[in-house]
């Protein structure tokens, strides 16, 4: 019975090697660069990433430090309770006085790559034009927005969706007299960039004339 219990417990733990590899690739680091930064051989690091070797806590701490995260990033497992969000209990906030209201529906856990929010957009709002790494999916829940992708403007209403690469210049606006609500999901880390750098970059040379005082940087 004891071996079976141990096996069951281990099955619920995250695969450390896969998490290390995903984090390294997300930071665009090579095996060689990570090995040099962590002070371990590339061969051993490769074995760790393929889960063919189990690093000690000290070695894992060296790897974590080189990847700009804590050790708990690789060993903490979210519970089902923390992964579930209730409509009446979800975190809601705005950014620096912005008129956009955010409702977070995604959970944070080791290795996650998705961010997801419900956005409430007031009438007259217009975002900056931005571009960034990763992908985005927009699904309109209520009202209407005008989504601009490259130079093409698209009017989107309830039930409409758009999936695109974030490196294409894009923006959106609510030109109606009613609020709009949309579900935004993307692979970029919203509101948490490595080294405090913003996740999004405004497109150079664009004159972003907004219809309100808001200039949102999280489209």
N, C-alpha and C. Protein backbone atom coordinates (compact mmCIF):
# COMPACT_ATOMS: atom_id res chain seq x y z
N UNK A 1 0.82 -1.21 0.00
CA UNK A 1 0.00 0.00 0.00
C UNK A 1 0.85 1.27 0.00
N UNK A 2 1.95 1.25 0.75
CA UNK A 2 2.81 2.44 0.83
C UNK A 2 3.37 2.84 -0.52
N UNK A 3 3.92 1.87 -1.33
CA UNK A 3 4.43 2.25 -2.64
C UNK A 3 3.36 2.87 -3.53
N UNK A 4 2.13 2.33 -3.45
CA UNK A 4 1.06 2.87 -4.28
C UNK A 4 0.71 4.29 -3.87
N UNK A 5 0.71 4.54 -2.54
CA UNK A 5 0.41 5.87 -2.06
C UNK A 5 1.46 6.87 -2.52
N UNK A 6 2.72 6.43 -2.47
CA UNK A 6 3.80 7.32 -2.90
C UNK A 6 3.70 7.63 -4.39
N UNK A 7 3.33 6.58 -5.15
CA UNK A 7 3.19 6.77 -6.59
C UNK A 7 2.08 7.76 -6.90
N UNK A 8 0.96 7.64 -6.15
CA UNK A 8 -0.16 8.55 -6.38
C UNK A 8 0.19 9.97 -6.05
N UNK A 9 0.96 10.15 -4.94
CA UNK A 9 1.33 11.50 -4.54
C UNK A 9 2.25 12.12 -5.57
N UNK A 10 3.19 11.32 -6.09
CA UNK A 10 4.14 11.84 -7.07
C UNK A 10 3.46 12.23 -8.36
N UNK A 11 2.39 11.53 -8.71
CA UNK A 11 1.71 11.80 -9.97
C UNK A 11 1.07 13.18 -9.98
N UNK A 12 0.78 13.72 -8.74
CA UNK A 12 0.13 15.03 -8.68
C UNK A 12 1.12 16.17 -8.71
N UNK A 13 2.42 15.87 -8.63
CA UNK A 13 3.42 16.92 -8.62
C UNK A 13 3.77 17.36 -10.04
N UNK A 14 4.13 18.63 -10.22
CA UNK A 14 4.50 19.10 -11.56
C UNK A 14 5.80 18.48 -12.01
N UNK A 15 6.00 18.33 -13.29
CA UNK A 15 7.24 17.80 -13.84
C UNK A 15 8.24 18.95 -13.89
N UNK A 16 9.23 18.87 -12.99
CA UNK A 16 10.17 19.97 -12.81
C UNK A 16 10.93 20.26 -14.11
N UNK A 17 11.37 19.22 -14.80
CA UNK A 17 12.14 19.42 -16.02
C UNK A 17 11.38 20.19 -17.06
N UNK A 18 10.13 19.84 -17.26
CA UNK A 18 9.31 20.53 -18.26
C UNK A 18 9.09 21.98 -17.88
N UNK A 19 8.94 22.24 -16.60
CA UNK A 19 8.75 23.62 -16.15
C UNK A 19 10.01 24.45 -16.35
N UNK A 20 11.16 23.85 -16.07
CA UNK A 20 12.43 24.55 -16.29
C UNK A 20 12.61 24.88 -17.76
N UNK A 21 12.36 23.90 -18.62
CA UNK A 21 12.51 24.12 -20.06
C UNK A 21 11.55 25.20 -20.56
N UNK A 22 10.30 25.15 -20.10
CA UNK A 22 9.32 26.14 -20.55
C UNK A 22 9.71 27.55 -20.12
N UNK A 23 10.20 27.66 -18.87
CA UNK A 23 10.61 28.97 -18.37
C UNK A 23 11.84 29.47 -19.13
N UNK A 24 12.79 28.59 -19.38
CA UNK A 24 14.00 28.97 -20.10
C UNK A 24 13.65 29.45 -21.51
N UNK A 25 12.80 28.70 -22.19
CA UNK A 25 12.42 29.07 -23.55
C UNK A 25 11.62 30.37 -23.57
N UNK A 26 10.83 30.57 -22.54
CA UNK A 26 10.06 31.81 -22.46
C UNK A 26 10.99 33.02 -22.34
N UNK A 27 12.12 32.82 -21.66
CA UNK A 27 13.10 33.91 -21.52
C UNK A 27 14.10 33.93 -22.66
N UNK A 28 13.93 33.01 -23.62
CA UNK A 28 14.81 32.90 -24.78
C UNK A 28 16.26 32.66 -24.36
N UNK A 29 16.45 31.79 -23.40
CA UNK A 29 17.78 31.40 -22.95
C UNK A 29 18.15 30.06 -23.56
N UNK A 30 19.38 29.89 -23.94
CA UNK A 30 19.86 28.59 -24.42
C UNK A 30 20.23 27.72 -23.23
N UNK A 31 20.37 26.43 -23.47
CA UNK A 31 20.84 25.53 -22.42
C UNK A 31 22.21 25.98 -21.90
N UNK A 32 23.06 26.38 -22.83
CA UNK A 32 24.40 26.82 -22.46
C UNK A 32 24.35 28.05 -21.55
N UNK A 33 23.52 29.01 -21.91
CA UNK A 33 23.41 30.24 -21.12
C UNK A 33 22.89 29.95 -19.72
N UNK A 34 21.88 29.08 -19.63
CA UNK A 34 21.33 28.74 -18.31
C UNK A 34 22.34 27.95 -17.50
N UNK A 35 23.04 27.02 -18.15
CA UNK A 35 24.04 26.24 -17.44
C UNK A 35 25.14 27.12 -16.88
N UNK A 36 25.61 28.07 -17.66
CA UNK A 36 26.66 28.98 -17.19
C UNK A 36 26.15 29.86 -16.05
N UNK A 37 24.92 30.35 -16.16
CA UNK A 37 24.36 31.21 -15.13
C UNK A 37 24.13 30.46 -13.82
N UNK A 38 23.73 29.19 -13.93
CA UNK A 38 23.43 28.40 -12.74
C UNK A 38 24.66 27.65 -12.22
N UNK A 39 25.75 27.62 -13.01
CA UNK A 39 26.96 26.94 -12.57
C UNK A 39 26.87 25.44 -12.63
N UNK A 40 26.10 24.91 -13.58
CA UNK A 40 26.00 23.46 -13.75
C UNK A 40 26.27 23.13 -15.21
N UNK A 41 26.62 21.87 -15.47
CA UNK A 41 26.98 21.49 -16.83
C UNK A 41 25.75 21.43 -17.72
N UNK A 42 25.97 21.68 -19.00
CA UNK A 42 24.88 21.64 -19.98
C UNK A 42 24.32 20.23 -20.08
N UNK A 43 25.19 19.22 -20.01
CA UNK A 43 24.74 17.84 -20.10
C UNK A 43 23.80 17.47 -18.97
N UNK A 44 24.17 17.88 -17.75
CA UNK A 44 23.31 17.58 -16.60
C UNK A 44 22.00 18.36 -16.69
N UNK A 45 22.08 19.63 -17.10
CA UNK A 45 20.88 20.44 -17.24
C UNK A 45 19.93 19.84 -18.27
N UNK A 46 20.48 19.31 -19.35
CA UNK A 46 19.66 18.66 -20.37
C UNK A 46 18.94 17.46 -19.80
N UNK A 47 19.65 16.69 -18.95
CA UNK A 47 19.01 15.53 -18.31
C UNK A 47 17.89 15.96 -17.38
N UNK A 48 18.11 17.05 -16.66
CA UNK A 48 17.09 17.56 -15.74
C UNK A 48 15.85 17.98 -16.52
N UNK A 49 16.05 18.70 -17.61
CA UNK A 49 14.90 19.17 -18.40
C UNK A 49 14.11 18.02 -19.00
N UNK A 50 14.77 16.89 -19.26
CA UNK A 50 14.06 15.73 -19.82
C UNK A 50 13.58 14.81 -18.72
N UNK A 51 13.70 15.27 -17.47
CA UNK A 51 13.28 14.48 -16.30
C UNK A 51 14.01 13.15 -16.21
N UNK A 52 15.26 13.14 -16.71
CA UNK A 52 16.11 11.97 -16.58
C UNK A 52 17.04 12.09 -15.38
N UNK A 53 17.02 13.24 -14.73
CA UNK A 53 17.81 13.46 -13.52
C UNK A 53 17.02 14.39 -12.61
N UNK A 54 17.14 14.16 -11.29
CA UNK A 54 16.42 14.98 -10.32
C UNK A 54 17.40 15.88 -9.59
N UNK A 55 17.29 17.20 -9.74
CA UNK A 55 18.24 18.09 -9.09
C UNK A 55 18.01 18.17 -7.59
N UNK A 56 19.07 18.42 -6.85
CA UNK A 56 18.93 18.66 -5.41
C UNK A 56 18.25 20.01 -5.22
N UNK A 57 17.81 20.26 -3.98
CA UNK A 57 17.15 21.53 -3.71
C UNK A 57 18.11 22.69 -3.96
N UNK A 58 19.39 22.50 -3.62
CA UNK A 58 20.37 23.56 -3.85
C UNK A 58 20.57 23.84 -5.32
N UNK A 59 20.66 22.78 -6.14
CA UNK A 59 20.82 22.96 -7.58
C UNK A 59 19.58 23.60 -8.18
N UNK A 60 18.41 23.17 -7.70
CA UNK A 60 17.16 23.75 -8.20
C UNK A 60 17.09 25.24 -7.86
N UNK A 61 17.61 25.60 -6.68
CA UNK A 61 17.64 27.01 -6.29
C UNK A 61 18.54 27.81 -7.22
N UNK A 62 19.68 27.22 -7.63
CA UNK A 62 20.57 27.90 -8.56
C UNK A 62 19.89 28.11 -9.91
N UNK A 63 19.18 27.08 -10.37
CA UNK A 63 18.47 27.19 -11.64
C UNK A 63 17.36 28.23 -11.55
N UNK A 64 16.61 28.18 -10.45
CA UNK A 64 15.50 29.13 -10.27
C UNK A 64 16.02 30.57 -10.25
N UNK A 65 17.12 30.79 -9.53
CA UNK A 65 17.68 32.14 -9.46
C UNK A 65 18.11 32.64 -10.84
N UNK A 66 18.67 31.74 -11.63
CA UNK A 66 19.11 32.11 -12.98
C UNK A 66 17.93 32.38 -13.91
N UNK A 67 16.77 31.83 -13.57
CA UNK A 67 15.56 32.03 -14.36
C UNK A 67 14.66 33.12 -13.77
N UNK A 68 15.18 33.81 -12.74
CA UNK A 68 14.48 34.94 -12.13
C UNK A 68 13.14 34.55 -11.51
N UNK A 69 13.11 33.38 -10.88
CA UNK A 69 11.93 32.94 -10.14
C UNK A 69 12.38 32.32 -8.83
N UNK A 70 11.44 32.07 -7.93
CA UNK A 70 11.74 31.37 -6.70
C UNK A 70 11.63 29.86 -6.89
N UNK A 71 12.16 29.11 -5.95
CA UNK A 71 12.11 27.65 -6.04
C UNK A 71 10.66 27.16 -6.06
N UNK A 72 9.78 27.87 -5.34
CA UNK A 72 8.38 27.44 -5.29
C UNK A 72 7.71 27.45 -6.66
N UNK A 73 8.30 28.19 -7.61
CA UNK A 73 7.76 28.21 -8.97
C UNK A 73 7.73 26.81 -9.56
N UNK A 74 8.69 25.97 -9.17
CA UNK A 74 8.82 24.64 -9.74
C UNK A 74 8.21 23.54 -8.88
N UNK A 75 7.91 23.84 -7.63
CA UNK A 75 7.45 22.75 -6.76
C UNK A 75 6.05 22.99 -6.19
N UNK A 76 5.51 24.20 -6.34
CA UNK A 76 4.19 24.48 -5.80
C UNK A 76 3.12 23.99 -6.78
N UNK A 77 2.12 23.31 -6.26
CA UNK A 77 1.02 22.80 -7.08
C UNK A 77 -0.29 23.46 -6.66
N UNK A 78 -1.02 24.08 -7.57
CA UNK A 78 -2.28 24.71 -7.17
C UNK A 78 -3.33 23.67 -6.81
N UNK A 79 -4.13 24.00 -5.80
CA UNK A 79 -5.22 23.11 -5.43
C UNK A 79 -6.41 23.38 -6.33
N UNK A 80 -7.36 22.43 -6.35
CA UNK A 80 -8.56 22.65 -7.15
C UNK A 80 -9.32 23.87 -6.66
N UNK A 81 -9.25 24.11 -5.34
CA UNK A 81 -9.96 25.25 -4.77
C UNK A 81 -9.39 26.57 -5.27
N UNK A 82 -8.05 26.66 -5.36
CA UNK A 82 -7.44 27.91 -5.81
C UNK A 82 -7.60 28.10 -7.31
N UNK A 83 -7.81 27.03 -8.05
CA UNK A 83 -7.99 27.13 -9.50
C UNK A 83 -9.41 27.53 -9.88
N UNK A 84 -10.36 27.33 -8.96
CA UNK A 84 -11.76 27.65 -9.22
C UNK A 84 -12.05 29.08 -8.81
N UNK A 85 -12.69 29.84 -9.68
CA UNK A 85 -13.10 31.20 -9.33
C UNK A 85 -14.62 31.28 -9.37
N UNK A 86 -15.20 31.92 -8.36
CA UNK A 86 -16.64 32.14 -8.28
C UNK A 86 -16.96 33.54 -8.78
N UNK A 87 -18.04 33.67 -9.51
CA UNK A 87 -18.40 34.94 -10.12
C UNK A 87 -18.47 36.07 -9.10
N UNK A 88 -19.00 35.78 -7.92
CA UNK A 88 -19.18 36.83 -6.92
C UNK A 88 -17.92 37.12 -6.12
N UNK A 89 -16.89 36.28 -6.29
CA UNK A 89 -15.69 36.41 -5.46
C UNK A 89 -14.44 36.75 -6.25
N UNK A 90 -14.55 36.88 -7.57
CA UNK A 90 -13.37 37.12 -8.38
C UNK A 90 -12.76 38.50 -8.14
N UNK A 91 -11.45 38.57 -8.32
CA UNK A 91 -10.73 39.82 -8.14
C UNK A 91 -11.08 40.80 -9.25
N UNK A 92 -11.49 42.01 -8.87
CA UNK A 92 -11.81 43.05 -9.83
C UNK A 92 -10.96 44.27 -9.52
N UNK A 93 -10.44 44.93 -10.53
CA UNK A 93 -9.58 46.07 -10.29
C UNK A 93 -9.47 46.93 -11.55
N UNK A 94 -8.87 48.10 -11.40
CA UNK A 94 -8.53 48.97 -12.52
C UNK A 94 -7.07 49.34 -12.37
N UNK A 95 -6.49 49.97 -13.38
CA UNK A 95 -5.07 50.28 -13.38
C UNK A 95 -4.86 51.78 -13.45
N UNK A 96 -4.23 52.36 -12.41
CA UNK A 96 -3.83 53.77 -12.42
C UNK A 96 -4.95 54.71 -12.85
N UNK A 97 -6.13 54.50 -12.28
CA UNK A 97 -7.24 55.40 -12.57
C UNK A 97 -7.91 55.17 -13.90
N UNK A 98 -7.53 54.11 -14.61
CA UNK A 98 -8.14 53.83 -15.91
C UNK A 98 -9.63 53.55 -15.74
N UNK A 99 -10.40 53.86 -16.76
CA UNK A 99 -11.84 53.59 -16.74
C UNK A 99 -12.16 52.15 -17.11
N UNK A 100 -11.15 51.38 -17.51
CA UNK A 100 -11.35 49.96 -17.81
C UNK A 100 -11.39 49.18 -16.50
N UNK A 101 -12.39 48.32 -16.36
CA UNK A 101 -12.49 47.45 -15.19
C UNK A 101 -12.10 46.03 -15.58
N UNK A 102 -11.22 45.41 -14.80
CA UNK A 102 -10.73 44.07 -15.07
C UNK A 102 -11.28 43.08 -14.05
N UNK A 103 -11.60 41.90 -14.52
CA UNK A 103 -12.04 40.81 -13.66
C UNK A 103 -11.21 39.59 -14.00
N UNK A 104 -10.35 39.20 -13.09
CA UNK A 104 -9.41 38.13 -13.38
C UNK A 104 -10.08 36.77 -13.25
N UNK A 105 -9.94 35.92 -14.28
CA UNK A 105 -10.56 34.59 -14.23
C UNK A 105 -9.53 33.47 -14.33
N UNK A 106 -8.26 33.81 -14.54
CA UNK A 106 -7.21 32.79 -14.64
C UNK A 106 -6.52 32.64 -13.30
N UNK A 107 -5.93 31.47 -13.07
CA UNK A 107 -5.17 31.20 -11.85
C UNK A 107 -3.68 31.26 -12.14
N UNK A 108 -2.89 31.54 -11.10
CA UNK A 108 -1.44 31.54 -11.22
C UNK A 108 -0.89 30.24 -10.68
N UNK A 109 -0.09 29.56 -11.46
CA UNK A 109 0.59 28.36 -10.98
C UNK A 109 1.84 28.15 -11.81
N UNK A 110 2.72 27.28 -11.32
CA UNK A 110 4.01 27.08 -11.98
C UNK A 110 3.84 26.65 -13.42
N UNK A 111 4.51 27.37 -14.32
CA UNK A 111 4.51 27.00 -15.72
C UNK A 111 3.32 27.48 -16.53
N UNK A 112 2.37 28.17 -15.89
CA UNK A 112 1.21 28.60 -16.68
C UNK A 112 1.61 29.66 -17.68
N UNK A 113 0.97 29.66 -18.82
CA UNK A 113 1.30 30.62 -19.89
C UNK A 113 0.10 31.48 -20.29
N UNK A 114 -1.07 31.20 -19.74
CA UNK A 114 -2.26 31.95 -20.12
C UNK A 114 -2.63 32.99 -19.08
N UNK A 115 -3.07 34.15 -19.56
CA UNK A 115 -3.72 35.15 -18.73
C UNK A 115 -5.12 35.33 -19.29
N UNK A 116 -6.09 35.59 -18.41
CA UNK A 116 -7.45 35.73 -18.90
C UNK A 116 -8.23 36.68 -18.00
N UNK A 117 -8.94 37.61 -18.63
CA UNK A 117 -9.70 38.62 -17.90
C UNK A 117 -11.02 38.89 -18.61
N UNK A 118 -12.01 39.32 -17.83
CA UNK A 118 -13.21 39.92 -18.39
C UNK A 118 -13.02 41.42 -18.26
N UNK A 119 -13.14 42.14 -19.37
CA UNK A 119 -12.92 43.58 -19.40
C UNK A 119 -14.25 44.29 -19.59
N UNK A 120 -14.50 45.31 -18.79
CA UNK A 120 -15.66 46.18 -18.96
C UNK A 120 -15.16 47.51 -19.51
N UNK A 121 -15.63 47.88 -20.70
CA UNK A 121 -15.09 49.02 -21.44
C UNK A 121 -16.17 50.09 -21.57
N UNK A 122 -15.91 51.29 -21.05
CA UNK A 122 -16.94 52.34 -21.09
C UNK A 122 -17.09 52.93 -22.49
N UNK A 123 -18.20 53.61 -22.74
CA UNK A 123 -18.39 54.28 -24.02
C UNK A 123 -17.28 55.31 -24.26
N UNK A 124 -16.84 55.43 -25.50
CA UNK A 124 -15.86 56.44 -25.87
C UNK A 124 -14.41 56.07 -25.63
N UNK A 125 -14.18 54.85 -25.12
CA UNK A 125 -12.80 54.46 -24.81
C UNK A 125 -12.04 54.03 -26.08
N UNK A 126 -10.77 54.41 -26.16
CA UNK A 126 -9.91 53.99 -27.26
C UNK A 126 -8.55 53.64 -26.71
N UNK A 127 -8.03 52.48 -27.07
CA UNK A 127 -6.74 52.02 -26.55
C UNK A 127 -5.59 52.53 -27.40
N UNK A 128 -4.38 52.37 -26.88
CA UNK A 128 -3.20 52.60 -27.68
C UNK A 128 -3.04 51.48 -28.71
N UNK A 129 -2.21 51.73 -29.71
CA UNK A 129 -1.82 50.70 -30.66
C UNK A 129 -0.57 50.03 -30.10
N UNK A 130 -0.61 48.72 -29.93
CA UNK A 130 0.51 48.02 -29.33
C UNK A 130 0.86 46.78 -30.15
N UNK A 131 2.00 46.20 -29.83
CA UNK A 131 2.37 44.90 -30.36
C UNK A 131 3.23 44.22 -29.31
N UNK A 132 3.25 42.89 -29.31
CA UNK A 132 3.94 42.14 -28.27
C UNK A 132 4.09 40.70 -28.70
N UNK A 133 4.79 39.92 -27.91
CA UNK A 133 4.93 38.50 -28.19
C UNK A 133 3.65 37.76 -27.81
N UNK A 134 3.52 36.52 -28.28
CA UNK A 134 2.41 35.68 -27.87
C UNK A 134 1.17 35.80 -28.74
N UNK A 135 0.06 35.29 -28.22
CA UNK A 135 -1.21 35.27 -28.93
C UNK A 135 -2.31 35.88 -28.08
N UNK A 136 -3.38 36.28 -28.72
CA UNK A 136 -4.55 36.80 -28.02
C UNK A 136 -5.82 36.20 -28.62
N UNK A 137 -6.82 36.02 -27.77
CA UNK A 137 -8.17 35.69 -28.22
C UNK A 137 -9.12 36.68 -27.54
N UNK A 138 -9.96 37.32 -28.33
CA UNK A 138 -10.97 38.24 -27.82
C UNK A 138 -12.34 37.69 -28.16
N UNK A 139 -13.22 37.66 -27.16
CA UNK A 139 -14.59 37.18 -27.35
C UNK A 139 -15.53 38.22 -26.73
N UNK A 140 -16.40 38.78 -27.53
CA UNK A 140 -17.29 39.83 -27.05
C UNK A 140 -18.48 39.21 -26.32
N UNK A 141 -18.69 39.64 -25.08
CA UNK A 141 -19.79 39.13 -24.27
C UNK A 141 -21.01 40.03 -24.35
N UNK A 142 -20.76 41.32 -24.43
CA UNK A 142 -21.87 42.29 -24.39
C UNK A 142 -21.43 43.57 -25.08
N UNK A 143 -22.36 44.24 -25.77
CA UNK A 143 -22.04 45.49 -26.44
C UNK A 143 -21.26 45.26 -27.72
N UNK A 144 -20.48 46.26 -28.12
CA UNK A 144 -19.72 46.16 -29.36
C UNK A 144 -18.42 46.93 -29.23
N UNK A 145 -17.36 46.41 -29.86
CA UNK A 145 -16.08 47.11 -29.93
C UNK A 145 -15.59 47.11 -31.38
N UNK A 146 -14.74 48.06 -31.68
CA UNK A 146 -14.08 48.07 -32.98
C UNK A 146 -12.64 47.65 -32.76
N UNK A 147 -12.30 46.50 -33.27
CA UNK A 147 -10.94 45.96 -33.13
C UNK A 147 -10.17 46.27 -34.41
N UNK A 148 -9.01 46.89 -34.24
CA UNK A 148 -8.15 47.18 -35.39
C UNK A 148 -6.94 46.26 -35.34
N UNK A 149 -6.70 45.55 -36.43
CA UNK A 149 -5.58 44.62 -36.54
C UNK A 149 -4.82 44.97 -37.81
N UNK A 150 -3.54 45.33 -37.66
CA UNK A 150 -2.79 45.95 -38.75
C UNK A 150 -3.55 47.23 -39.14
N UNK A 151 -4.02 47.34 -40.34
CA UNK A 151 -4.77 48.53 -40.74
C UNK A 151 -6.25 48.24 -40.98
N UNK A 152 -6.70 47.08 -40.57
CA UNK A 152 -8.09 46.68 -40.81
C UNK A 152 -8.92 46.83 -39.55
N UNK A 153 -10.01 47.59 -39.63
CA UNK A 153 -10.92 47.80 -38.51
C UNK A 153 -12.09 46.83 -38.63
N UNK A 154 -12.42 46.16 -37.53
CA UNK A 154 -13.50 45.17 -37.53
C UNK A 154 -14.47 45.47 -36.39
N UNK A 155 -15.74 45.62 -36.71
CA UNK A 155 -16.76 45.82 -35.70
C UNK A 155 -17.17 44.46 -35.16
N UNK A 156 -17.06 44.27 -33.85
CA UNK A 156 -17.36 42.99 -33.22
C UNK A 156 -18.49 43.15 -32.22
N UNK A 157 -19.49 42.26 -32.32
CA UNK A 157 -20.63 42.27 -31.41
C UNK A 157 -20.67 41.00 -30.58
N UNK A 158 -21.70 40.84 -29.75
CA UNK A 158 -21.82 39.68 -28.87
C UNK A 158 -21.67 38.36 -29.63
N UNK A 159 -20.80 37.49 -29.12
CA UNK A 159 -20.57 36.19 -29.75
C UNK A 159 -19.44 36.19 -30.76
N UNK A 160 -18.99 37.37 -31.20
CA UNK A 160 -17.89 37.43 -32.16
C UNK A 160 -16.56 37.21 -31.44
N UNK A 161 -15.61 36.60 -32.14
CA UNK A 161 -14.30 36.35 -31.53
C UNK A 161 -13.20 36.62 -32.55
N UNK A 162 -12.00 36.83 -32.02
CA UNK A 162 -10.84 37.08 -32.87
C UNK A 162 -9.61 36.47 -32.21
N UNK A 163 -8.85 35.69 -32.97
CA UNK A 163 -7.63 35.04 -32.47
C UNK A 163 -6.49 35.49 -33.37
N UNK A 164 -5.44 36.08 -32.77
CA UNK A 164 -4.36 36.64 -33.59
C UNK A 164 -3.04 36.64 -32.84
N UNK A 165 -1.97 36.77 -33.62
CA UNK A 165 -0.63 36.89 -33.04
C UNK A 165 -0.43 38.32 -32.53
N UNK A 166 0.15 38.42 -31.34
CA UNK A 166 0.30 39.73 -30.73
C UNK A 166 1.33 40.62 -31.40
N UNK A 167 2.18 40.07 -32.28
CA UNK A 167 3.19 40.92 -32.91
C UNK A 167 2.62 41.75 -34.06
N UNK A 168 1.35 41.59 -34.33
CA UNK A 168 0.67 42.43 -35.32
C UNK A 168 0.11 43.67 -34.60
N UNK A 169 0.40 44.88 -35.06
CA UNK A 169 -0.11 46.08 -34.39
C UNK A 169 -1.63 46.01 -34.24
N UNK A 170 -2.11 46.27 -33.04
CA UNK A 170 -3.54 46.15 -32.80
C UNK A 170 -4.00 47.12 -31.71
N UNK A 171 -5.29 47.42 -31.75
CA UNK A 171 -5.93 48.29 -30.76
C UNK A 171 -7.42 48.02 -30.81
N UNK A 172 -8.15 48.54 -29.83
CA UNK A 172 -9.60 48.42 -29.88
C UNK A 172 -10.25 49.64 -29.24
N UNK A 173 -11.52 49.86 -29.58
CA UNK A 173 -12.23 51.05 -29.10
C UNK A 173 -13.70 50.74 -28.95
N UNK A 174 -14.35 51.48 -28.07
CA UNK A 174 -15.80 51.40 -27.91
C UNK A 174 -16.38 52.71 -28.41
N UNK A 175 -16.86 52.69 -29.64
CA UNK A 175 -17.42 53.90 -30.26
C UNK A 175 -18.92 54.04 -30.01
N UNK A 176 -19.49 53.16 -29.19
CA UNK A 176 -20.93 53.19 -28.95
C UNK A 176 -21.25 54.00 -27.69
N UNK A 177 -22.54 54.09 -27.39
CA UNK A 177 -23.00 54.81 -26.19
C UNK A 177 -23.26 53.86 -25.03
N UNK A 178 -22.92 52.60 -25.20
CA UNK A 178 -23.15 51.59 -24.17
C UNK A 178 -21.83 50.94 -23.75
N UNK A 179 -21.80 50.41 -22.54
CA UNK A 179 -20.59 49.70 -22.12
C UNK A 179 -20.44 48.42 -22.94
N UNK A 180 -19.23 47.95 -23.06
CA UNK A 180 -18.94 46.67 -23.72
C UNK A 180 -18.19 45.78 -22.74
N UNK A 181 -18.46 44.50 -22.81
CA UNK A 181 -17.75 43.53 -21.98
C UNK A 181 -17.17 42.47 -22.90
N UNK A 182 -15.91 42.15 -22.68
CA UNK A 182 -15.30 41.11 -23.50
C UNK A 182 -14.41 40.21 -22.67
N UNK A 183 -14.24 39.00 -23.15
CA UNK A 183 -13.34 38.04 -22.54
C UNK A 183 -12.03 38.08 -23.30
N UNK A 184 -10.96 38.42 -22.61
CA UNK A 184 -9.63 38.49 -23.21
C UNK A 184 -8.78 37.36 -22.64
N UNK A 185 -8.15 36.58 -23.53
CA UNK A 185 -7.23 35.52 -23.12
C UNK A 185 -5.98 35.63 -23.98
N UNK A 186 -4.81 35.54 -23.35
CA UNK A 186 -3.57 35.64 -24.09
C UNK A 186 -2.42 34.93 -23.42
N UNK A 187 -1.34 34.77 -24.16
CA UNK A 187 -0.17 34.06 -23.62
C UNK A 187 0.87 35.01 -23.07
N UNK A 188 0.66 36.32 -23.13
CA UNK A 188 1.61 37.23 -22.51
C UNK A 188 1.25 37.42 -21.05
N UNK A 189 2.27 37.66 -20.19
CA UNK A 189 2.00 37.82 -18.75
C UNK A 189 1.49 39.21 -18.45
N UNK A 190 0.20 39.36 -18.30
CA UNK A 190 -0.39 40.67 -18.02
C UNK A 190 -0.03 41.12 -16.62
N UNK A 191 0.39 42.37 -16.49
CA UNK A 191 0.65 43.01 -15.22
C UNK A 191 1.79 42.38 -14.44
N UNK A 192 2.59 41.51 -15.04
CA UNK A 192 3.73 40.95 -14.33
C UNK A 192 4.82 40.63 -15.35
N UNK A 193 5.69 41.60 -15.59
CA UNK A 193 6.77 41.43 -16.54
C UNK A 193 8.07 41.16 -15.82
N UNK A 194 8.99 40.42 -16.43
CA UNK A 194 10.28 40.13 -15.83
C UNK A 194 11.07 41.42 -15.71
N UNK A 195 11.63 41.66 -14.51
CA UNK A 195 12.41 42.84 -14.28
C UNK A 195 11.58 44.12 -14.28
N UNK A 196 10.24 43.96 -14.17
CA UNK A 196 9.38 45.13 -14.10
C UNK A 196 9.14 45.79 -15.44
N UNK A 197 9.62 45.22 -16.52
CA UNK A 197 9.43 45.83 -17.83
C UNK A 197 8.00 45.58 -18.31
N UNK A 198 7.38 46.53 -19.01
CA UNK A 198 6.01 46.34 -19.46
C UNK A 198 5.93 45.21 -20.48
N UNK A 199 4.82 44.49 -20.45
CA UNK A 199 4.65 43.37 -21.38
C UNK A 199 4.32 43.86 -22.78
N UNK A 200 3.75 45.04 -22.90
CA UNK A 200 3.33 45.55 -24.19
C UNK A 200 4.17 46.76 -24.59
N UNK A 201 4.34 46.95 -25.88
CA UNK A 201 5.11 48.08 -26.39
C UNK A 201 4.24 48.86 -27.38
N UNK A 202 4.03 50.17 -27.13
CA UNK A 202 3.31 50.98 -28.13
C UNK A 202 4.08 50.97 -29.45
N UNK A 203 3.35 51.03 -30.56
CA UNK A 203 3.99 51.04 -31.86
C UNK A 203 4.62 52.40 -32.10
N UNK A 204 5.89 52.42 -32.46
CA UNK A 204 6.60 53.68 -32.68
C UNK A 204 6.02 54.42 -33.88
N UNK A 205 6.00 55.76 -33.73
CA UNK A 205 5.56 56.59 -34.85
C UNK A 205 4.06 56.76 -34.95
N UNK A 206 3.31 56.14 -33.99
CA UNK A 206 1.86 56.26 -34.05
C UNK A 206 1.40 57.38 -33.14
N UNK A 207 0.50 58.22 -33.62
CA UNK A 207 -0.10 59.27 -32.81
C UNK A 207 -1.41 58.75 -32.28
N UNK A 208 -1.42 58.32 -31.02
CA UNK A 208 -2.59 57.66 -30.45
C UNK A 208 -3.52 58.70 -29.82
N UNK A 209 -4.37 59.31 -30.62
CA UNK A 209 -5.31 60.31 -30.15
C UNK A 209 -6.50 59.61 -29.56
N UNK A 210 -6.65 59.65 -28.22
CA UNK A 210 -7.74 58.95 -27.57
C UNK A 210 -8.94 59.87 -27.40
N UNK A 211 -10.11 59.26 -27.35
CA UNK A 211 -11.33 60.04 -27.16
C UNK A 211 -11.59 60.28 -25.68
N UNK A 212 -10.86 59.58 -24.79
CA UNK A 212 -10.95 59.83 -23.36
C UNK A 212 -9.54 60.06 -22.87
N UNK A 213 -9.38 60.32 -21.56
CA UNK A 213 -8.05 60.56 -21.02
C UNK A 213 -7.28 59.27 -20.81
N UNK A 214 -7.92 58.13 -21.02
CA UNK A 214 -7.26 56.85 -20.81
C UNK A 214 -6.38 56.51 -21.97
N UNK A 215 -5.22 55.93 -21.67
CA UNK A 215 -4.38 55.31 -22.68
C UNK A 215 -4.00 53.94 -22.13
N UNK A 216 -4.78 52.97 -22.49
CA UNK A 216 -4.62 51.64 -21.91
C UNK A 216 -3.47 50.89 -22.55
N UNK A 217 -2.64 50.24 -21.76
CA UNK A 217 -1.49 49.52 -22.27
C UNK A 217 -1.64 48.02 -22.09
N UNK A 218 -2.86 47.57 -21.99
CA UNK A 218 -3.05 46.14 -21.77
C UNK A 218 -4.13 45.60 -22.67
N UNK A 219 -4.02 45.85 -23.97
CA UNK A 219 -4.98 45.29 -24.92
C UNK A 219 -4.65 43.85 -25.20
